[in-house]
Amino acid sequence: MQAFPNAAALRAPSSLENLLLYRLWRAARESSCMVTRMVEGGFGITRREWGMIGMLAQIGEVTSSELAERLHLDRVSSSRGLQSLFEKKLVERQQDAEDGREVRVRLSPSGQQLFADLFPRIARLNVDLLDGMDAADIDVFLQCLRRLELRGGELNSQGVASEKASCRSVGTRHQ
């Protein structure tokens, strides 16, 4: 394993290990696989479905399009996730009284119970990940993370990566 890069290496990457997004992906992968095992293996839902359940637990009843927007999901992914949660009886839906084209969704009692059972486990994992970091380091990390989110949004809105991608065809281009 190569030495962990420093700021100069990140600003002038010469290898995969020196790419900021690669480092972020690796850090996220190391911990997110534990969440995947918890939600899929222990509770029979996907990580996307967990995100939907968590957001609905946080904000309550919303339109399906508002939920998709808050989770930064396209309409198709959101619709599929909600359909699966509806089939699993974790989400309830009804037509919006004011706009019959809109569907309002909320957690069912089973969905609320799943959230109550799962959230403490995932929260504990998050706390465990911060073990060994002092409050000042965590604050600096959060400031940096926020700046990265803002800068990523700026670059996205500028169309820096103008190529179109389809999630369905990922990895099939060079076959």
C-alpha atoms as a PDB file:
ATOM      1  CA  MET A   1       0.000   0.000   0.000  1.00  0.00           C
ATOM      2  CA  GLN A   2       1.291   3.423  -0.934  1.00  0.00           C
ATOM      3  CA  ALA A   3       1.823   6.188   1.602  1.00  0.00           C
ATOM      4  CA  PHE A   4      -1.229   8.302   2.228  1.00  0.00           C
ATOM      5  CA  PRO A   5      -1.074  11.387  -0.018  1.00  0.00           C
ATOM      6  CA  ASN A   6      -0.428  14.881   1.261  1.00  0.00           C
ATOM      7  CA  ALA A   7      -1.962  18.159   0.048  1.00  0.00           C
ATOM      8  CA  ALA A   8       0.647  18.610  -2.687  1.00  0.00           C
ATOM      9  CA  ALA A   9      -0.094  15.135  -4.081  1.00  0.00           C
ATOM     10  CA  LEU A  10      -3.843  15.826  -4.123  1.00  0.00           C
ATOM     11  CA  ARG A  11      -3.301  19.139  -5.945  1.00  0.00           C
ATOM     12  CA  ALA A  12      -1.083  17.501  -8.601  1.00  0.00           C
ATOM     13  CA  PRO A  13      -2.198  13.856  -8.756  1.00  0.00           C
ATOM     14  CA  SER A  14       0.162  11.440 -10.449  1.00  0.00           C
ATOM     15  CA  SER A  15      -1.620   8.206  -9.535  1.00  0.00           C
ATOM     16  CA  LEU A  16      -5.015   6.848  -8.608  1.00  0.00           C
ATOM     17  CA  GLU A  17      -4.050   6.989  -4.933  1.00  0.00           C
ATOM     18  CA  ASN A  18      -3.584  10.770  -5.258  1.00  0.00           C
ATOM     19  CA  LEU A  19      -7.073  11.482  -6.611  1.00  0.00           C
ATOM     20  CA  LEU A  20      -9.322  13.107  -4.004  1.00  0.00           C
ATOM     21  CA  LEU A  21     -12.476  11.416  -5.287  1.00  0.00           C
ATOM     22  CA  TYR A  22     -10.766   8.037  -5.198  1.00  0.00           C
ATOM     23  CA  ARG A  23      -9.708   8.609  -1.566  1.00  0.00           C
ATOM     24  CA  LEU A  24     -13.243   9.675  -0.636  1.00  0.00           C
ATOM     25  CA  TRP A  25     -14.690   6.641  -2.417  1.00  0.00           C
ATOM     26  CA  ARG A  26     -12.323   4.293  -0.574  1.00  0.00           C
ATOM     27  CA  ALA A  27     -13.151   5.823   2.800  1.00  0.00           C
ATOM     28  CA  ALA A  28     -16.872   5.603   2.085  1.00  0.00           C
ATOM     29  CA  ARG A  29     -16.588   2.038   0.774  1.00  0.00           C
ATOM     30  CA  GLU A  30     -14.795   0.805   3.891  1.00  0.00           C
ATOM     31  CA  SER A  31     -17.644   1.907   6.127  1.00  0.00           C
ATOM     32  CA  SER A  32     -20.672   1.821   3.851  1.00  0.00           C
ATOM     33  CA  CYS A  33     -20.319  -1.914   3.239  1.00  0.00           C
ATOM     34  CA  MET A  34     -21.171  -2.406   6.925  1.00  0.00           C
ATOM     35  CA  VAL A  35     -24.357  -0.378   6.448  1.00  0.00           C
ATOM     36  CA  THR A  36     -25.193  -2.428   3.367  1.00  0.00           C
ATOM     37  CA  ARG A  37     -24.845  -5.649   5.354  1.00  0.00           C
ATOM     38  CA  MET A  38     -27.061  -4.244   8.110  1.00  0.00           C
ATOM     39  CA  VAL A  39     -29.849  -3.000   5.865  1.00  0.00           C
ATOM     40  CA  GLU A  40     -29.821  -5.755   3.250  1.00  0.00           C
ATOM     41  CA  GLY A  41     -28.847  -8.732   5.375  1.00  0.00           C
ATOM     42  CA  GLY A  42     -30.595  -7.774   8.578  1.00  0.00           C
ATOM     43  CA  PHE A  43     -33.653  -5.891   7.368  1.00  0.00           C
ATOM     44  CA  GLY A  44     -34.227  -6.909   3.738  1.00  0.00           C
ATOM     45  CA  ILE A  45     -34.038  -3.427   2.239  1.00  0.00           C
ATOM     46  CA  THR A  46     -31.535  -1.747  -0.058  1.00  0.00           C
ATOM     47  CA  ARG A  47     -29.366   1.221   0.885  1.00  0.00           C
ATOM     48  CA  ARG A  48     -31.499   3.435  -1.376  1.00  0.00           C
ATOM     49  CA  GLU A  49     -34.621   2.216   0.401  1.00  0.00           C
ATOM     50  CA  TRP A  50     -32.925   2.911   3.740  1.00  0.00           C
ATOM     51  CA  GLY A  51     -32.252   6.469   2.578  1.00  0.00           C
ATOM     52  CA  MET A  52     -35.911   6.883   1.675  1.00  0.00           C
ATOM     53  CA  ILE A  53     -37.055   5.465   5.006  1.00  0.00           C
ATOM     54  CA  GLY A  54     -34.633   7.695   6.894  1.00  0.00           C
ATOM     55  CA  MET A  55     -35.759  10.809   5.033  1.00  0.00           C
ATOM     56  CA  LEU A  56     -39.444   9.997   5.526  1.00  0.00           C
ATOM     57  CA  ALA A  57     -38.814   9.423   9.237  1.00  0.00           C
ATOM     58  CA  GLN A  58     -37.162  12.837   9.374  1.00  0.00           C
ATOM     59  CA  ILE A  59     -39.614  14.939   7.362  1.00  0.00           C
ATOM     60  CA  GLY A  60     -42.890  13.012   7.514  1.00  0.00           C
ATOM     61  CA  GLU A  61     -45.420  12.877   4.699  1.00  0.00           C
ATOM     62  CA  VAL A  62     -44.294  14.433   1.411  1.00  0.00           C
ATOM     63  CA  THR A  63     -44.953  14.163  -2.288  1.00  0.00           C
ATOM     64  CA  SER A  64     -42.960  11.510  -4.080  1.00  0.00           C
ATOM     65  CA  SER A  65     -41.261  14.183  -6.200  1.00  0.00           C
ATOM     66  CA  GLU A  66     -40.207  16.161  -3.100  1.00  0.00           C
ATOM     67  CA  LEU A  67     -38.711  12.997  -1.615  1.00  0.00           C
ATOM     68  CA  ALA A  68     -36.766  12.364  -4.834  1.00  0.00           C
ATOM     69  CA  GLU A  69     -35.496  15.946  -4.822  1.00  0.00           C
ATOM     70  CA  ARG A  70     -34.361  15.807  -1.194  1.00  0.00           C
ATOM     71  CA  LEU A  71     -32.487  12.552  -1.831  1.00  0.00           C
ATOM     72  CA  HIS A  72     -31.044  13.759  -5.162  1.00  0.00           C
ATOM     73  CA  LEU A  73     -32.652  10.834  -7.005  1.00  0.00           C
ATOM     74  CA  ASP A  74     -34.024  10.803 -10.526  1.00  0.00           C
ATOM     75  CA  ARG A  75     -37.732  10.079 -10.921  1.00  0.00           C
ATOM     76  CA  VAL A  76     -37.208   6.504 -12.127  1.00  0.00           C
ATOM     77  CA  SER A  77     -34.949   5.501  -9.214  1.00  0.00           C
ATOM     78  CA  SER A  78     -37.273   7.174  -6.746  1.00  0.00           C
ATOM     79  CA  SER A  79     -40.350   5.530  -8.230  1.00  0.00           C
ATOM     80  CA  ARG A  80     -38.754   2.070  -8.163  1.00  0.00           C
ATOM     81  CA  GLY A  81     -37.593   2.500  -4.580  1.00  0.00           C
ATOM     82  CA  LEU A  82     -41.000   3.689  -3.430  1.00  0.00           C
ATOM     83  CA  GLN A  83     -42.745   0.853  -5.284  1.00  0.00           C
ATOM     84  CA  SER A  84     -40.513  -1.675  -3.534  1.00  0.00           C
ATOM     85  CA  LEU A  85     -41.144  -0.073  -0.131  1.00  0.00           C
ATOM     86  CA  PHE A  86     -44.874  -0.060  -0.841  1.00  0.00           C
ATOM     87  CA  GLU A  87     -44.775  -3.769  -1.738  1.00  0.00           C
ATOM     88  CA  LYS A  88     -42.868  -4.453   1.496  1.00  0.00           C
ATOM     89  CA  LYS A  89     -45.582  -2.504   3.345  1.00  0.00           C
ATOM     90  CA  LEU A  90     -43.022  -0.049   4.745  1.00  0.00           C
ATOM     91  CA  VAL A  91     -44.515   2.995   3.008  1.00  0.00           C
ATOM     92  CA  GLU A  92     -48.085   4.141   2.498  1.00  0.00           C
ATOM     93  CA  ARG A  93     -49.149   6.327  -0.404  1.00  0.00           C
ATOM     94  CA  GLN A  94     -52.194   8.279  -1.455  1.00  0.00           C
ATOM     95  CA  GLN A  95     -53.153  10.675  -4.225  1.00  0.00           C
ATOM     96  CA  ASP A  96     -52.626  14.329  -3.342  1.00  0.00           C
ATOM     97  CA  ALA A  97     -56.036  15.910  -2.662  1.00  0.00           C
ATOM     98  CA  GLU A  98     -55.081  19.178  -4.390  1.00  0.00           C
ATOM     99  CA  ASP A  99     -53.144  17.737  -7.337  1.00  0.00           C
ATOM    100  CA  GLY A 100     -54.354  14.297  -8.397  1.00  0.00           C
ATOM    101  CA  ARG A 101     -51.179  13.764 -10.429  1.00  0.00           C
ATOM    102  CA  GLU A 102     -49.030  13.878  -7.284  1.00  0.00           C
ATOM    103  CA  VAL A 103     -48.663  11.020  -4.831  1.00  0.00           C
ATOM    104  CA  ARG A 104     -48.009  11.664  -1.152  1.00  0.00           C
ATOM    105  CA  VAL A 105     -45.965   9.084   0.744  1.00  0.00           C
ATOM    106  CA  ARG A 106     -45.275   8.400   4.408  1.00  0.00           C
ATOM    107  CA  LEU A 107     -43.889   5.604   6.527  1.00  0.00           C
ATOM    108  CA  SER A 108     -46.325   2.891   7.509  1.00  0.00           C
ATOM    109  CA  PRO A 109     -46.285   1.658  11.116  1.00  0.00           C
ATOM    110  CA  SER A 110     -43.985  -1.169   9.924  1.00  0.00           C
ATOM    111  CA  GLY A 111     -41.695   1.382   8.279  1.00  0.00           C
ATOM    112  CA  GLN A 112     -41.621   3.446  11.466  1.00  0.00           C
ATOM    113  CA  GLN A 113     -40.699   0.338  13.456  1.00  0.00           C
ATOM    114  CA  LEU A 114     -37.962  -0.616  11.009  1.00  0.00           C
ATOM    115  CA  PHE A 115     -36.504   2.884  11.326  1.00  0.00           C
ATOM    116  CA  ALA A 116     -36.704   2.711  15.131  1.00  0.00           C
ATOM    117  CA  ASP A 117     -34.856  -0.626  15.091  1.00  0.00           C
ATOM    118  CA  LEU A 118     -32.222   0.224  12.480  1.00  0.00           C
ATOM    119  CA  PHE A 119     -31.350   3.873  13.090  1.00  0.00           C
ATOM    120  CA  PRO A 120     -29.656   3.316  16.482  1.00  0.00           C
ATOM    121  CA  ARG A 121     -27.410   0.647  14.954  1.00  0.00           C
ATOM    122  CA  ILE A 122     -26.330   2.880  12.094  1.00  0.00           C
ATOM    123  CA  ALA A 123     -25.920   5.854  14.434  1.00  0.00           C
ATOM    124  CA  ARG A 124     -23.652   3.709  16.634  1.00  0.00           C
ATOM    125  CA  LEU A 125     -21.546   2.779  13.610  1.00  0.00           C
ATOM    126  CA  ASN A 126     -21.192   6.470  12.750  1.00  0.00           C
ATOM    127  CA  VAL A 127     -20.077   7.264  16.296  1.00  0.00           C
ATOM    128  CA  ASP A 128     -17.614   4.360  16.214  1.00  0.00           C
ATOM    129  CA  LEU A 129     -16.107   5.712  12.982  1.00  0.00           C
ATOM    130  CA  LEU A 130     -15.289   8.967  14.772  1.00  0.00           C
ATOM    131  CA  ASP A 131     -13.592   7.153  17.640  1.00  0.00           C
ATOM    132  CA  GLY A 132     -10.063   8.447  18.079  1.00  0.00           C
ATOM    133  CA  MET A 133     -10.797  11.825  16.496  1.00  0.00           C
ATOM    134  CA  ASP A 134     -11.083  14.833  18.767  1.00  0.00           C
ATOM    135  CA  ALA A 135     -13.832  17.439  18.393  1.00  0.00           C
ATOM    136  CA  ALA A 136     -11.540  19.954  16.678  1.00  0.00           C
ATOM    137  CA  ASP A 137     -10.561  17.403  14.005  1.00  0.00           C
ATOM    138  CA  ILE A 138     -14.205  16.515  13.441  1.00  0.00           C
ATOM    139  CA  ASP A 139     -15.124  20.199  13.078  1.00  0.00           C
ATOM    140  CA  VAL A 140     -12.356  20.742  10.510  1.00  0.00           C
ATOM    141  CA  PHE A 141     -13.425  17.591   8.658  1.00  0.00           C
ATOM    142  CA  LEU A 142     -17.042  18.805   8.522  1.00  0.00           C
ATOM    143  CA  GLN A 143     -15.962  22.241   7.266  1.00  0.00           C
ATOM    144  CA  CYS A 144     -13.914  20.590   4.522  1.00  0.00           C
ATOM    145  CA  LEU A 145     -16.743  18.232   3.631  1.00  0.00           C
ATOM    146  CA  ARG A 146     -19.159  21.156   3.325  1.00  0.00           C
ATOM    147  CA  ARG A 147     -16.712  23.017   1.065  1.00  0.00           C
ATOM    148  CA  LEU A 148     -16.356  19.917  -1.107  1.00  0.00           C
ATOM    149  CA  GLU A 149     -20.150  19.612  -1.389  1.00  0.00           C
ATOM    150  CA  LEU A 150     -20.471  23.268  -2.373  1.00  0.00           C
ATOM    151  CA  ARG A 151     -17.609  23.093  -4.864  1.00  0.00           C
ATOM    152  CA  GLY A 152     -18.971  19.884  -6.368  1.00  0.00           C
ATOM    153  CA  GLY A 153     -22.333  21.605  -6.831  1.00  0.00           C
ATOM    154  CA  GLU A 154     -20.635  24.572  -8.506  1.00  0.00           C
ATOM    155  CA  LEU A 155     -18.690  22.346 -10.892  1.00  0.00           C
ATOM    156  CA  ASN A 156     -21.820  20.328 -11.657  1.00  0.00           C
ATOM    157  CA  SER A 157     -23.822  23.447 -12.495  1.00  0.00           C
ATOM    158  CA  GLN A 158     -20.974  24.621 -14.760  1.00  0.00           C
ATOM    159  CA  GLY A 159     -21.209  21.358 -16.710  1.00  0.00           C
ATOM    160  CA  VAL A 160     -17.593  20.353 -16.068  1.00  0.00           C
ATOM    161  CA  ALA A 161     -18.467  16.726 -16.847  1.00  0.00           C
ATOM    162  CA  SER A 162     -20.805  17.199 -19.792  1.00  0.00           C
ATOM    163  CA  GLU A 163     -20.848  13.557 -20.864  1.00  0.00           C
ATOM    164  CA  LYS A 164     -24.137  11.749 -20.392  1.00  0.00           C
ATOM    165  CA  ALA A 165     -24.188   8.509 -18.444  1.00  0.00           C
ATOM    166  CA  SER A 166     -26.769   5.828 -17.989  1.00  0.00           C
ATOM    167  CA  CYS A 167     -26.702   3.866 -14.768  1.00  0.00           C
ATOM    168  CA  ARG A 168     -27.981   0.842 -16.678  1.00  0.00           C
ATOM    169  CA  SER A 169     -25.032   0.747 -19.057  1.00  0.00           C
ATOM    170  CA  VAL A 170     -22.261   1.393 -16.545  1.00  0.00           C
ATOM    171  CA  GLY A 171     -19.204  -0.620 -17.452  1.00  0.00           C
ATOM    172  CA  THR A 172     -20.582  -1.862 -20.772  1.00  0.00           C
ATOM    173  CA  ARG A 173     -18.983   0.673 -23.115  1.00  0.00           C
ATOM    174  CA  HIS A 174     -15.736  -1.230 -23.714  1.00  0.00           C
ATOM    175  CA  GLN A 175     -17.064  -4.761 -24.012  1.00  0.00           C
END
